[in-house]
Amino acid sequence: MWDIKFGMYSEGVEAETARSKAWHILGSVINYKTIEISVRFSNLTREWVLNVFKPFWDNHASDLKPFFWAWDIDVYPDLIFYVSVTDGMKYKMPVSVLQFVDSIELEMQGIKEV
């Protein structure tokens, strides 16, 4: 069985804010909220990596096409995002032993509904 480590999840805000001379907020318009997600898959079979993940990378993710990401729909139904891989992300398949791959990382970014 393979393991998933759902690591960093961060949110940011892209907004236009007007401030007074004393730096107090006079008003803000939130344009959108950004999200960044980092995931590491471990103990994968080489077959799964080559037959499932690699085609996903070659035909979808590496072209920065968006996709839905859900950590665990049953436990966290609010953590479903429309994301794409981050600019400059690289596909890496670390050295593996026998039929297993050590790990694969996936760095994603998207916009959260406001």
PDB file of N, CA and C in Angstrom:
ATOM      1  N   MET A   1       0.846  -1.184   0.000  1.00  0.00           N
ATOM      2  CA  MET A   1       0.000   0.000   0.000  1.00  0.00           C
ATOM      3  C   MET A   1       0.879   1.231   0.000  1.00  0.00           C
ATOM      4  N   TRP A   2       0.499   2.231  -0.731  1.00  0.00           N
ATOM      5  CA  TRP A   2       1.290   3.449  -0.809  1.00  0.00           C
ATOM      6  C   TRP A   2       0.795   4.478   0.193  1.00  0.00           C
ATOM      7  N   ASP A   3       1.681   5.377   0.545  1.00  0.00           N
ATOM      8  CA  ASP A   3       1.389   6.404   1.541  1.00  0.00           C
ATOM      9  C   ASP A   3       1.316   7.761   0.853  1.00  0.00           C
ATOM     10  N   ILE A   4       0.464   8.631   1.379  1.00  0.00           N
ATOM     11  CA  ILE A   4       0.391  10.012   0.899  1.00  0.00           C
ATOM     12  C   ILE A   4       0.653  10.920   2.083  1.00  0.00           C
ATOM     13  N   LYS A   5       1.559  11.849   1.900  1.00  0.00           N
ATOM     14  CA  LYS A   5       1.818  12.844   2.938  1.00  0.00           C
ATOM     15  C   LYS A   5       1.319  14.177   2.403  1.00  0.00           C
ATOM     16  N   PHE A   6       0.249  14.662   3.006  1.00  0.00           N
ATOM     17  CA  PHE A   6      -0.347  15.931   2.615  1.00  0.00           C
ATOM     18  C   PHE A   6       0.312  16.989   3.469  1.00  0.00           C
ATOM     19  N   GLY A   7       1.324  17.597   2.920  1.00  0.00           N
ATOM     20  CA  GLY A   7       2.142  18.524   3.686  1.00  0.00           C
ATOM     21  C   GLY A   7       1.608  19.928   3.692  1.00  0.00           C
ATOM     22  N   MET A   8       2.388  20.786   3.137  1.00  0.00           N
ATOM     23  CA  MET A   8       2.080  22.201   3.208  1.00  0.00           C
ATOM     24  C   MET A   8       0.789  22.535   2.472  1.00  0.00           C
ATOM     25  N   TYR A   9      -0.048  23.246   3.152  1.00  0.00           N
ATOM     26  CA  TYR A   9      -1.250  23.823   2.565  1.00  0.00           C
ATOM     27  C   TYR A   9      -1.240  25.271   3.028  1.00  0.00           C
ATOM     28  N   SER A  10      -1.140  26.176   2.094  1.00  0.00           N
ATOM     29  CA  SER A  10      -1.102  27.575   2.495  1.00  0.00           C
ATOM     30  C   SER A  10      -2.078  28.387   1.663  1.00  0.00           C
ATOM     31  N   GLU A  11      -2.562  29.440   2.278  1.00  0.00           N
ATOM     32  CA  GLU A  11      -3.478  30.347   1.604  1.00  0.00           C
ATOM     33  C   GLU A  11      -2.908  31.753   1.640  1.00  0.00           C
ATOM     34  N   GLY A  12      -3.212  32.514   0.624  1.00  0.00           N
ATOM     35  CA  GLY A  12      -2.819  33.916   0.564  1.00  0.00           C
ATOM     36  C   GLY A  12      -3.984  34.729   0.038  1.00  0.00           C
ATOM     37  N   VAL A  13      -3.869  36.025   0.112  1.00  0.00           N
ATOM     38  CA  VAL A  13      -4.936  36.910  -0.344  1.00  0.00           C
ATOM     39  C   VAL A  13      -4.355  37.909  -1.336  1.00  0.00           C
ATOM     40  N   GLU A  14      -5.009  38.020  -2.485  1.00  0.00           N
ATOM     41  CA  GLU A  14      -4.675  39.053  -3.460  1.00  0.00           C
ATOM     42  C   GLU A  14      -5.772  40.100  -3.348  1.00  0.00           C
ATOM     43  N   ALA A  15      -5.412  41.290  -2.883  1.00  0.00           N
ATOM     44  CA  ALA A  15      -6.412  42.322  -2.619  1.00  0.00           C
ATOM     45  C   ALA A  15      -5.878  43.696  -2.962  1.00  0.00           C
ATOM     46  N   GLU A  16      -6.795  44.607  -3.106  1.00  0.00           N
ATOM     47  CA  GLU A  16      -6.461  46.026  -3.265  1.00  0.00           C
ATOM     48  C   GLU A  16      -6.941  46.721  -1.998  1.00  0.00           C
ATOM     49  N   THR A  17      -6.020  47.382  -1.313  1.00  0.00           N
ATOM     50  CA  THR A  17      -6.338  47.983  -0.022  1.00  0.00           C
ATOM     51  C   THR A  17      -5.941  49.447  -0.013  1.00  0.00           C
ATOM     52  N   ALA A  18      -6.847  50.277   0.480  1.00  0.00           N
ATOM     53  CA  ALA A  18      -6.555  51.700   0.663  1.00  0.00           C
ATOM     54  C   ALA A  18      -6.256  51.925   2.141  1.00  0.00           C
ATOM     55  N   ARG A  19      -5.172  52.678   2.404  1.00  0.00           N
ATOM     56  CA  ARG A  19      -4.775  52.942   3.793  1.00  0.00           C
ATOM     57  C   ARG A  19      -4.646  54.446   4.029  1.00  0.00           C
ATOM     58  N   SER A  20      -4.846  54.819   5.271  1.00  0.00           N
ATOM     59  CA  SER A  20      -4.687  56.215   5.658  1.00  0.00           C
ATOM     60  C   SER A  20      -3.203  56.534   5.834  1.00  0.00           C
ATOM     61  N   LYS A  21      -2.893  57.786   6.089  1.00  0.00           N
ATOM     62  CA  LYS A  21      -1.502  58.172   6.322  1.00  0.00           C
ATOM     63  C   LYS A  21      -0.940  57.496   7.573  1.00  0.00           C
ATOM     64  N   ALA A  22      -1.813  57.142   8.509  1.00  0.00           N
ATOM     65  CA  ALA A  22      -1.390  56.433   9.721  1.00  0.00           C
ATOM     66  C   ALA A  22      -1.369  54.919   9.494  1.00  0.00           C
ATOM     67  N   TRP A  23      -1.597  54.501   8.252  1.00  0.00           N
ATOM     68  CA  TRP A  23      -1.527  53.108   7.820  1.00  0.00           C
ATOM     69  C   TRP A  23      -2.708  52.259   8.292  1.00  0.00           C
ATOM     70  N   HIS A  24      -3.818  52.908   8.657  1.00  0.00           N
ATOM     71  CA  HIS A  24      -5.031  52.184   9.005  1.00  0.00           C
ATOM     72  C   HIS A  24      -5.765  51.820   7.708  1.00  0.00           C
ATOM     73  N   ILE A  25      -6.388  50.672   7.701  1.00  0.00           N
ATOM     74  CA  ILE A  25      -7.113  50.236   6.508  1.00  0.00           C
ATOM     75  C   ILE A  25      -8.407  51.026   6.382  1.00  0.00           C
ATOM     76  N   LEU A  26      -8.571  51.656   5.229  1.00  0.00           N
ATOM     77  CA  LEU A  26      -9.789  52.397   4.942  1.00  0.00           C
ATOM     78  C   LEU A  26     -10.801  51.520   4.214  1.00  0.00           C
ATOM     79  N   GLY A  27     -10.294  50.580   3.460  1.00  0.00           N
ATOM     80  CA  GLY A  27     -11.169  49.662   2.732  1.00  0.00           C
ATOM     81  C   GLY A  27     -10.342  48.694   1.911  1.00  0.00           C
ATOM     82  N   SER A  28     -10.912  47.537   1.647  1.00  0.00           N
ATOM     83  CA  SER A  28     -10.225  46.519   0.864  1.00  0.00           C
ATOM     84  C   SER A  28     -11.191  45.850  -0.096  1.00  0.00           C
ATOM     85  N   VAL A  29     -10.658  45.451  -1.226  1.00  0.00           N
ATOM     86  CA  VAL A  29     -11.396  44.628  -2.182  1.00  0.00           C
ATOM     87  C   VAL A  29     -10.562  43.368  -2.376  1.00  0.00           C
ATOM     88  N   ILE A  30     -11.123  42.234  -1.993  1.00  0.00           N
ATOM     89  CA  ILE A  30     -10.412  40.975  -2.172  1.00  0.00           C
ATOM     90  C   ILE A  30     -10.670  40.478  -3.582  1.00  0.00           C
ATOM     91  N   ASN A  31      -9.612  40.373  -4.371  1.00  0.00           N
ATOM     92  CA  ASN A  31      -9.736  39.893  -5.744  1.00  0.00           C
ATOM     93  C   ASN A  31      -9.893  38.377  -5.769  1.00  0.00           C
ATOM     94  N   TYR A  32      -9.037  37.675  -5.043  1.00  0.00           N
ATOM     95  CA  TYR A  32      -9.114  36.224  -4.934  1.00  0.00           C
ATOM     96  C   TYR A  32      -8.162  35.752  -3.853  1.00  0.00           C
ATOM     97  N   LYS A  33      -8.363  34.502  -3.429  1.00  0.00           N
ATOM     98  CA  LYS A  33      -7.485  33.897  -2.440  1.00  0.00           C
ATOM     99  C   LYS A  33      -6.688  32.797  -3.135  1.00  0.00           C
ATOM    100  N   THR A  34      -5.396  32.797  -2.930  1.00  0.00           N
ATOM    101  CA  THR A  34      -4.529  31.796  -3.547  1.00  0.00           C
ATOM    102  C   THR A  34      -4.311  30.628  -2.585  1.00  0.00           C
ATOM    103  N   ILE A  35      -4.054  29.471  -3.162  1.00  0.00           N
ATOM    104  CA  ILE A  35      -3.705  28.306  -2.358  1.00  0.00           C
ATOM    105  C   ILE A  35      -2.477  27.648  -2.967  1.00  0.00           C
ATOM    106  N   GLU A  36      -1.675  27.050  -2.119  1.00  0.00           N
ATOM    107  CA  GLU A  36      -0.525  26.260  -2.545  1.00  0.00           C
ATOM    108  C   GLU A  36      -0.554  24.961  -1.752  1.00  0.00           C
ATOM    109  N   ILE A  37      -0.415  23.844  -2.470  1.00  0.00           N
ATOM    110  CA  ILE A  37      -0.493  22.528  -1.850  1.00  0.00           C
ATOM    111  C   ILE A  37       0.727  21.721  -2.258  1.00  0.00           C
ATOM    112  N   SER A  38       1.313  21.046  -1.291  1.00  0.00           N
ATOM    113  CA  SER A  38       2.460  20.181  -1.539  1.00  0.00           C
ATOM    114  C   SER A  38       2.119  18.774  -1.056  1.00  0.00           C
ATOM    115  N   VAL A  39       2.293  17.782  -1.936  1.00  0.00           N
ATOM    116  CA  VAL A  39       1.941  16.405  -1.605  1.00  0.00           C
ATOM    117  C   VAL A  39       3.104  15.491  -1.961  1.00  0.00           C
ATOM    118  N   ARG A  40       3.332  14.493  -1.124  1.00  0.00           N
ATOM    119  CA  ARG A  40       4.364  13.487  -1.412  1.00  0.00           C
ATOM    120  C   ARG A  40       3.721  12.102  -1.357  1.00  0.00           C
ATOM    121  N   PHE A  41       3.844  11.363  -2.449  1.00  0.00           N
ATOM    122  CA  PHE A  41       3.377   9.982  -2.535  1.00  0.00           C
ATOM    123  C   PHE A  41       4.587   9.090  -2.296  1.00  0.00           C
ATOM    124  N   SER A  42       4.466   8.108  -1.409  1.00  0.00           N
ATOM    125  CA  SER A  42       5.582   7.208  -1.082  1.00  0.00           C
ATOM    126  C   SER A  42       5.168   5.754  -1.250  1.00  0.00           C
ATOM    127  N   ASN A  43       6.180   4.892  -1.351  1.00  0.00           N
ATOM    128  CA  ASN A  43       5.973   3.446  -1.463  1.00  0.00           C
ATOM    129  C   ASN A  43       5.073   3.084  -2.643  1.00  0.00           C
ATOM    130  N   LEU A  44       5.342   3.668  -3.769  1.00  0.00           N
ATOM    131  CA  LEU A  44       4.558   3.427  -4.975  1.00  0.00           C
ATOM    132  C   LEU A  44       5.155   2.283  -5.777  1.00  0.00           C
ATOM    133  N   THR A  45       4.309   1.555  -6.465  1.00  0.00           N
ATOM    134  CA  THR A  45       4.848   0.542  -7.366  1.00  0.00           C
ATOM    135  C   THR A  45       5.333   1.235  -8.628  1.00  0.00           C
ATOM    136  N   ARG A  46       6.389   0.715  -9.186  1.00  0.00           N
ATOM    137  CA  ARG A  46       6.926   1.278 -10.426  1.00  0.00           C
ATOM    138  C   ARG A  46       5.860   1.206 -11.524  1.00  0.00           C
ATOM    139  N   GLU A  47       5.076   0.135 -11.517  1.00  0.00           N
ATOM    140  CA  GLU A  47       4.006  -0.029 -12.512  1.00  0.00           C
ATOM    141  C   GLU A  47       3.012   1.120 -12.429  1.00  0.00           C
ATOM    142  N   TRP A  48       2.573   1.501 -11.206  1.00  0.00           N
ATOM    143  CA  TRP A  48       1.621   2.606 -11.046  1.00  0.00           C
ATOM    144  C   TRP A  48       2.226   3.915 -11.523  1.00  0.00           C
ATOM    145  N   VAL A  49       3.472   4.154 -11.174  1.00  0.00           N
ATOM    146  CA  VAL A  49       4.129   5.399 -11.591  1.00  0.00           C
ATOM    147  C   VAL A  49       4.210   5.482 -13.110  1.00  0.00           C
ATOM    148  N   LEU A  50       4.638   4.409 -13.760  1.00  0.00           N
ATOM    149  CA  LEU A  50       4.816   4.429 -15.211  1.00  0.00           C
ATOM    150  C   LEU A  50       3.498   4.364 -15.980  1.00  0.00           C
ATOM    151  N   ASN A  51       2.482   3.699 -15.430  1.00  0.00           N
ATOM    152  CA  ASN A  51       1.231   3.519 -16.163  1.00  0.00           C
ATOM    153  C   ASN A  51       0.109   4.480 -15.782  1.00  0.00           C
ATOM    154  N   VAL A  52       0.218   5.142 -14.636  1.00  0.00           N
ATOM    155  CA  VAL A  52      -0.823   6.073 -14.206  1.00  0.00           C
ATOM    156  C   VAL A  52      -0.272   7.490 -14.048  1.00  0.00           C
ATOM    157  N   PHE A  53       0.727   7.658 -13.190  1.00  0.00           N
ATOM    158  CA  PHE A  53       1.225   9.007 -12.911  1.00  0.00           C
ATOM    159  C   PHE A  53       1.956   9.616 -14.103  1.00  0.00           C
ATOM    160  N   LYS A  54       2.824   8.861 -14.746  1.00  0.00           N
ATOM    161  CA  LYS A  54       3.610   9.396 -15.875  1.00  0.00           C
ATOM    162  C   LYS A  54       2.710   9.853 -17.019  1.00  0.00           C
ATOM    163  N   PRO A  55       1.689   9.081 -17.440  1.00  0.00           N
ATOM    164  CA  PRO A  55       0.777   9.598 -18.472  1.00  0.00           C
ATOM    165  C   PRO A  55       0.027  10.852 -18.017  1.00  0.00           C
ATOM    166  N   PHE A  56      -0.377  10.907 -16.729  1.00  0.00           N
ATOM    167  CA  PHE A  56      -1.006  12.123 -16.198  1.00  0.00           C
ATOM    168  C   PHE A  56      -0.048  13.307 -16.326  1.00  0.00           C
ATOM    169  N   TRP A  57       1.218  13.090 -15.983  1.00  0.00           N
ATOM    170  CA  TRP A  57       2.212  14.155 -16.089  1.00  0.00           C
ATOM    171  C   TRP A  57       2.418  14.570 -17.555  1.00  0.00           C
ATOM    172  N   ASP A  58       2.648  13.598 -18.444  1.00  0.00           N
ATOM    173  CA  ASP A  58       2.951  13.883 -19.848  1.00  0.00           C
ATOM    174  C   ASP A  58       1.804  14.552 -20.584  1.00  0.00           C
ATOM    175  N   ASN A  59       0.569  14.122 -20.327  1.00  0.00           N
ATOM    176  CA  ASN A  59      -0.570  14.574 -21.122  1.00  0.00           C
ATOM    177  C   ASN A  59      -1.425  15.645 -20.468  1.00  0.00           C
ATOM    178  N   HIS A  60      -1.136  15.972 -19.227  1.00  0.00           N
ATOM    179  CA  HIS A  60      -2.011  16.913 -18.530  1.00  0.00           C
ATOM    180  C   HIS A  60      -1.237  17.900 -17.657  1.00  0.00           C
ATOM    181  N   ALA A  61      -0.603  17.381 -16.617  1.00  0.00           N
ATOM    182  CA  ALA A  61       0.023  18.249 -15.613  1.00  0.00           C
ATOM    183  C   ALA A  61       1.159  19.092 -16.190  1.00  0.00           C
ATOM    184  N   SER A  62       2.006  18.502 -17.032  1.00  0.00           N
ATOM    185  CA  SER A  62       3.152  19.259 -17.560  1.00  0.00           C
ATOM    186  C   SER A  62       2.726  20.372 -18.517  1.00  0.00           C
ATOM    187  N   ASP A  63       1.492  20.322 -18.998  1.00  0.00           N
ATOM    188  CA  ASP A  63       0.950  21.398 -19.832  1.00  0.00           C
ATOM    189  C   ASP A  63       0.220  22.446 -18.998  1.00  0.00           C
ATOM    190  N   LEU A  64       0.306  22.307 -17.674  1.00  0.00           N
ATOM    191  CA  LEU A  64      -0.338  23.206 -16.707  1.00  0.00           C
ATOM    192  C   LEU A  64      -1.856  23.234 -16.857  1.00  0.00           C
ATOM    193  N   LYS A  65      -2.433  22.128 -17.316  1.00  0.00           N
ATOM    194  CA  LYS A  65      -3.890  22.025 -17.402  1.00  0.00           C
ATOM    195  C   LYS A  65      -4.433  21.821 -15.996  1.00  0.00           C
ATOM    196  N   PRO A  66      -5.512  22.523 -15.651  1.00  0.00           N
ATOM    197  CA  PRO A  66      -6.056  22.405 -14.295  1.00  0.00           C
ATOM    198  C   PRO A  66      -6.773  21.070 -14.070  1.00  0.00           C
ATOM    199  N   PHE A  67      -6.856  20.688 -12.800  1.00  0.00           N
ATOM    200  CA  PHE A  67      -7.526  19.458 -12.392  1.00  0.00           C
ATOM    201  C   PHE A  67      -8.044  19.643 -10.972  1.00  0.00           C
ATOM    202  N   PHE A  68      -8.935  18.755 -10.555  1.00  0.00           N
ATOM    203  CA  PHE A  68      -9.455  18.813  -9.193  1.00  0.00           C
ATOM    204  C   PHE A  68      -8.555  17.999  -8.268  1.00  0.00           C
ATOM    205  N   TRP A  69      -8.295  18.546  -7.082  1.00  0.00           N
ATOM    206  CA  TRP A  69      -7.511  17.859  -6.061  1.00  0.00           C
ATOM    207  C   TRP A  69      -8.369  17.764  -4.808  1.00  0.00           C
ATOM    208  N   ALA A  70      -8.482  16.566  -4.262  1.00  0.00           N
ATOM    209  CA  ALA A  70      -9.186  16.353  -3.001  1.00  0.00           C
ATOM    210  C   ALA A  70      -8.319  15.463  -2.131  1.00  0.00           C
ATOM    211  N   TRP A  71      -8.100  15.879  -0.923  1.00  0.00           N
ATOM    212  CA  TRP A  71      -7.263  15.117   0.005  1.00  0.00           C
ATOM    213  C   TRP A  71      -8.005  13.861   0.443  1.00  0.00           C
ATOM    214  N   ASP A  72      -9.176  14.013   1.006  1.00  0.00           N
ATOM    215  CA  ASP A  72     -10.020  12.899   1.417  1.00  0.00           C
ATOM    216  C   ASP A  72     -11.450  13.422   1.441  1.00  0.00           C
ATOM    217  N   ILE A  73     -12.211  13.076   0.418  1.00  0.00           N
ATOM    218  CA  ILE A  73     -13.552  13.639   0.246  1.00  0.00           C
ATOM    219  C   ILE A  73     -14.468  13.296   1.419  1.00  0.00           C
ATOM    220  N   ASP A  74     -14.337  12.109   1.979  1.00  0.00           N
ATOM    221  CA  ASP A  74     -15.206  11.705   3.087  1.00  0.00           C
ATOM    222  C   ASP A  74     -14.908  12.469   4.371  1.00  0.00           C
ATOM    223  N   VAL A  75     -13.636  12.658   4.674  1.00  0.00           N
ATOM    224  CA  VAL A  75     -13.251  13.303   5.926  1.00  0.00           C
ATOM    225  C   VAL A  75     -13.182  14.819   5.791  1.00  0.00           C
ATOM    226  N   TYR A  76     -12.692  15.311   4.650  1.00  0.00           N
ATOM    227  CA  TYR A  76     -12.527  16.756   4.438  1.00  0.00           C
ATOM    228  C   TYR A  76     -13.260  17.189   3.171  1.00  0.00           C
ATOM    229  N   PRO A  77     -14.581  17.201   3.177  1.00  0.00           N
ATOM    230  CA  PRO A  77     -15.320  17.550   1.958  1.00  0.00           C
ATOM    231  C   PRO A  77     -15.140  19.007   1.519  1.00  0.00           C
ATOM    232  N   ASP A  78     -14.657  19.865   2.414  1.00  0.00           N
ATOM    233  CA  ASP A  78     -14.438  21.266   2.062  1.00  0.00           C
ATOM    234  C   ASP A  78     -13.069  21.495   1.426  1.00  0.00           C
ATOM    235  N   LEU A  79     -12.186  20.488   1.461  1.00  0.00           N
ATOM    236  CA  LEU A  79     -10.853  20.636   0.889  1.00  0.00           C
ATOM    237  C   LEU A  79     -10.791  20.014  -0.505  1.00  0.00           C
ATOM    238  N   ILE A  80     -11.584  20.571  -1.410  1.00  0.00           N
ATOM    239  CA  ILE A  80     -11.563  20.174  -2.813  1.00  0.00           C
ATOM    240  C   ILE A  80     -11.224  21.431  -3.599  1.00  0.00           C
ATOM    241  N   PHE A  81     -10.150  21.355  -4.383  1.00  0.00           N
ATOM    242  CA  PHE A  81      -9.663  22.545  -5.071  1.00  0.00           C
ATOM    243  C   PHE A  81      -9.459  22.286  -6.556  1.00  0.00           C
ATOM    244  N   TYR A  82      -9.572  23.337  -7.329  1.00  0.00           N
ATOM    245  CA  TYR A  82      -9.285  23.318  -8.763  1.00  0.00           C
ATOM    246  C   TYR A  82      -7.884  23.901  -8.905  1.00  0.00           C
ATOM    247  N   VAL A  83      -6.911  23.076  -9.246  1.00  0.00           N
ATOM    248  CA  VAL A  83      -5.513  23.477  -9.213  1.00  0.00           C
ATOM    249  C   VAL A  83      -4.792  23.095 -10.503  1.00  0.00           C
ATOM    250  N   SER A  84      -3.570  23.555 -10.598  1.00  0.00           N
ATOM    251  CA  SER A  84      -2.629  23.086 -11.620  1.00  0.00           C
ATOM    252  C   SER A  84      -1.278  22.958 -10.927  1.00  0.00           C
ATOM    253  N   VAL A  85      -0.353  22.261 -11.573  1.00  0.00           N
ATOM    254  CA  VAL A  85       0.973  22.171 -10.965  1.00  0.00           C
ATOM    255  C   VAL A  85       1.615  23.547 -11.028  1.00  0.00           C
ATOM    256  N   THR A  86       2.544  23.814 -10.138  1.00  0.00           N
ATOM    257  CA  THR A  86       3.205  25.115 -10.106  1.00  0.00           C
ATOM    258  C   THR A  86       4.125  25.276 -11.314  1.00  0.00           C
ATOM    259  N   ASP A  87       4.304  26.514 -11.723  1.00  0.00           N
ATOM    260  CA  ASP A  87       5.223  26.811 -12.825  1.00  0.00           C
ATOM    261  C   ASP A  87       6.613  26.313 -12.451  1.00  0.00           C
ATOM    262  N   GLY A  88       7.266  25.657 -13.357  1.00  0.00           N
ATOM    263  CA  GLY A  88       8.625  25.194 -13.109  1.00  0.00           C
ATOM    264  C   GLY A  88       8.725  23.879 -12.362  1.00  0.00           C
ATOM    265  N   MET A  89       7.598  23.251 -12.035  1.00  0.00           N
ATOM    266  CA  MET A  89       7.670  21.963 -11.340  1.00  0.00           C
ATOM    267  C   MET A  89       8.295  20.924 -12.254  1.00  0.00           C
ATOM    268  N   LYS A  90       9.067  20.029 -11.666  1.00  0.00           N
ATOM    269  CA  LYS A  90       9.753  18.992 -12.435  1.00  0.00           C
ATOM    270  C   LYS A  90       9.298  17.614 -11.990  1.00  0.00           C
ATOM    271  N   TYR A  91       9.110  16.735 -12.952  1.00  0.00           N
ATOM    272  CA  TYR A  91       8.795  15.341 -12.668  1.00  0.00           C
ATOM    273  C   TYR A  91      10.092  14.641 -12.301  1.00  0.00           C
ATOM    274  N   LYS A  92      10.113  14.021 -11.123  1.00  0.00           N
ATOM    275  CA  LYS A  92      11.295  13.302 -10.658  1.00  0.00           C
ATOM    276  C   LYS A  92      10.862  11.933 -10.169  1.00  0.00           C
ATOM    277  N   MET A  93      11.575  10.906 -10.586  1.00  0.00           N
ATOM    278  CA  MET A  93      11.322   9.561 -10.083  1.00  0.00           C
ATOM    279  C   MET A  93      12.606   9.100  -9.418  1.00  0.00           C
ATOM    280  N   PRO A  94      12.686   9.221  -8.097  1.00  0.00           N
ATOM    281  CA  PRO A  94      13.912   8.862  -7.377  1.00  0.00           C
ATOM    282  C   PRO A  94      14.283   7.390  -7.561  1.00  0.00           C
ATOM    283  N   VAL A  95      15.538   7.101  -7.305  1.00  0.00           N
ATOM    284  CA  VAL A  95      16.041   5.736  -7.395  1.00  0.00           C
ATOM    285  C   VAL A  95      15.166   4.833  -6.537  1.00  0.00           C
ATOM    286  N   SER A  96      14.850   3.685  -7.083  1.00  0.00           N
ATOM    287  CA  SER A  96      13.968   2.777  -6.367  1.00  0.00           C
ATOM    288  C   SER A  96      14.603   1.404  -6.230  1.00  0.00           C
ATOM    289  N   VAL A  97      14.009   0.617  -5.349  1.00  0.00           N
ATOM    290  CA  VAL A  97      14.485  -0.740  -5.109  1.00  0.00           C
ATOM    291  C   VAL A  97      13.424  -1.703  -5.642  1.00  0.00           C
ATOM    292  N   LEU A  98      13.856  -2.666  -6.443  1.00  0.00           N
ATOM    293  CA  LEU A  98      12.964  -3.676  -7.009  1.00  0.00           C
ATOM    294  C   LEU A  98      11.802  -3.018  -7.752  1.00  0.00           C
ATOM    295  N   GLN A  99      10.570  -3.329  -7.380  1.00  0.00           N
ATOM    296  CA  GLN A  99       9.435  -2.799  -8.127  1.00  0.00           C
ATOM    297  C   GLN A  99       8.849  -1.527  -7.525  1.00  0.00           C
ATOM    298  N   PHE A 100       9.517  -0.922  -6.530  1.00  0.00           N
ATOM    299  CA  PHE A 100       8.970   0.255  -5.868  1.00  0.00           C
ATOM    300  C   PHE A 100       9.733   1.531  -6.206  1.00  0.00           C
ATOM    301  N   VAL A 101       9.005   2.642  -6.157  1.00  0.00           N
ATOM    302  CA  VAL A 101       9.576   3.976  -6.322  1.00  0.00           C
ATOM    303  C   VAL A 101       9.553   4.628  -4.946  1.00  0.00           C
ATOM    304  N   ASP A 102      10.644   5.275  -4.569  1.00  0.00           N
ATOM    305  CA  ASP A 102      10.730   5.875  -3.227  1.00  0.00           C
ATOM    306  C   ASP A 102       9.608   6.873  -2.977  1.00  0.00           C
ATOM    307  N   SER A 103       9.532   7.903  -3.820  1.00  0.00           N
ATOM    308  CA  SER A 103       8.478   8.904  -3.634  1.00  0.00           C
ATOM    309  C   SER A 103       8.373   9.800  -4.865  1.00  0.00           C
ATOM    310  N   ILE A 104       7.227  10.439  -4.978  1.00  0.00           N
ATOM    311  CA  ILE A 104       6.986  11.439  -6.015  1.00  0.00           C
ATOM    312  C   ILE A 104       6.323  12.617  -5.320  1.00  0.00           C
ATOM    313  N   GLU A 105       6.753  13.817  -5.671  1.00  0.00           N
ATOM    314  CA  GLU A 105       6.156  15.012  -5.095  1.00  0.00           C
ATOM    315  C   GLU A 105       5.320  15.727  -6.141  1.00  0.00           C
ATOM    316  N   LEU A 106       4.266  16.374  -5.673  1.00  0.00           N
ATOM    317  CA  LEU A 106       3.391  17.140  -6.540  1.00  0.00           C
ATOM    318  C   LEU A 106       3.161  18.488  -5.883  1.00  0.00           C
ATOM    319  N   GLU A 107       3.562  19.545  -6.576  1.00  0.00           N
ATOM    320  CA  GLU A 107       3.387  20.913  -6.080  1.00  0.00           C
ATOM    321  C   GLU A 107       2.268  21.552  -6.899  1.00  0.00           C
ATOM    322  N   MET A 108       1.214  22.034  -6.207  1.00  0.00           N
ATOM    323  CA  MET A 108       0.051  22.573  -6.900  1.00  0.00           C
ATOM    324  C   MET A 108      -0.268  23.982  -6.414  1.00  0.00           C
ATOM    325  N   GLN A 109      -0.954  24.723  -7.285  1.00  0.00           N
ATOM    326  CA  GLN A 109      -1.407  26.063  -6.935  1.00  0.00           C
ATOM    327  C   GLN A 109      -2.774  26.276  -7.545  1.00  0.00           C
ATOM    328  N   GLY A 110      -3.548  27.152  -6.917  1.00  0.00           N
ATOM    329  CA  GLY A 110      -4.889  27.426  -7.427  1.00  0.00           C
ATOM    330  C   GLY A 110      -5.484  28.635  -6.746  1.00  0.00           C
ATOM    331  N   ILE A 111      -6.765  28.805  -6.986  1.00  0.00           N
ATOM    332  CA  ILE A 111      -7.499  29.921  -6.413  1.00  0.00           C
ATOM    333  C   ILE A 111      -8.663  29.355  -5.617  1.00  0.00           C
ATOM    334  N   LYS A 112      -8.840  29.877  -4.416  1.00  0.00           N
ATOM    335  CA  LYS A 112      -9.938  29.453  -3.549  1.00  0.00           C
ATOM    336  C   LYS A 112     -11.105  30.424  -3.738  1.00  0.00           C
ATOM    337  N   GLU A 113     -12.301  29.901  -3.693  1.00  0.00           N
ATOM    338  CA  GLU A 113     -13.466  30.771  -3.841  1.00  0.00           C
ATOM    339  C   GLU A 113     -13.518  31.823  -2.751  1.00  0.00           C
ATOM    340  N   VAL A 114     -13.997  32.987  -3.122  1.00  0.00           N
ATOM    341  CA  VAL A 114     -14.135  34.083  -2.155  1.00  0.00           C
ATOM    342  C   VAL A 114     -15.585  34.187  -1.739  1.00  0.00           C
TER     343      VAL A 114
END
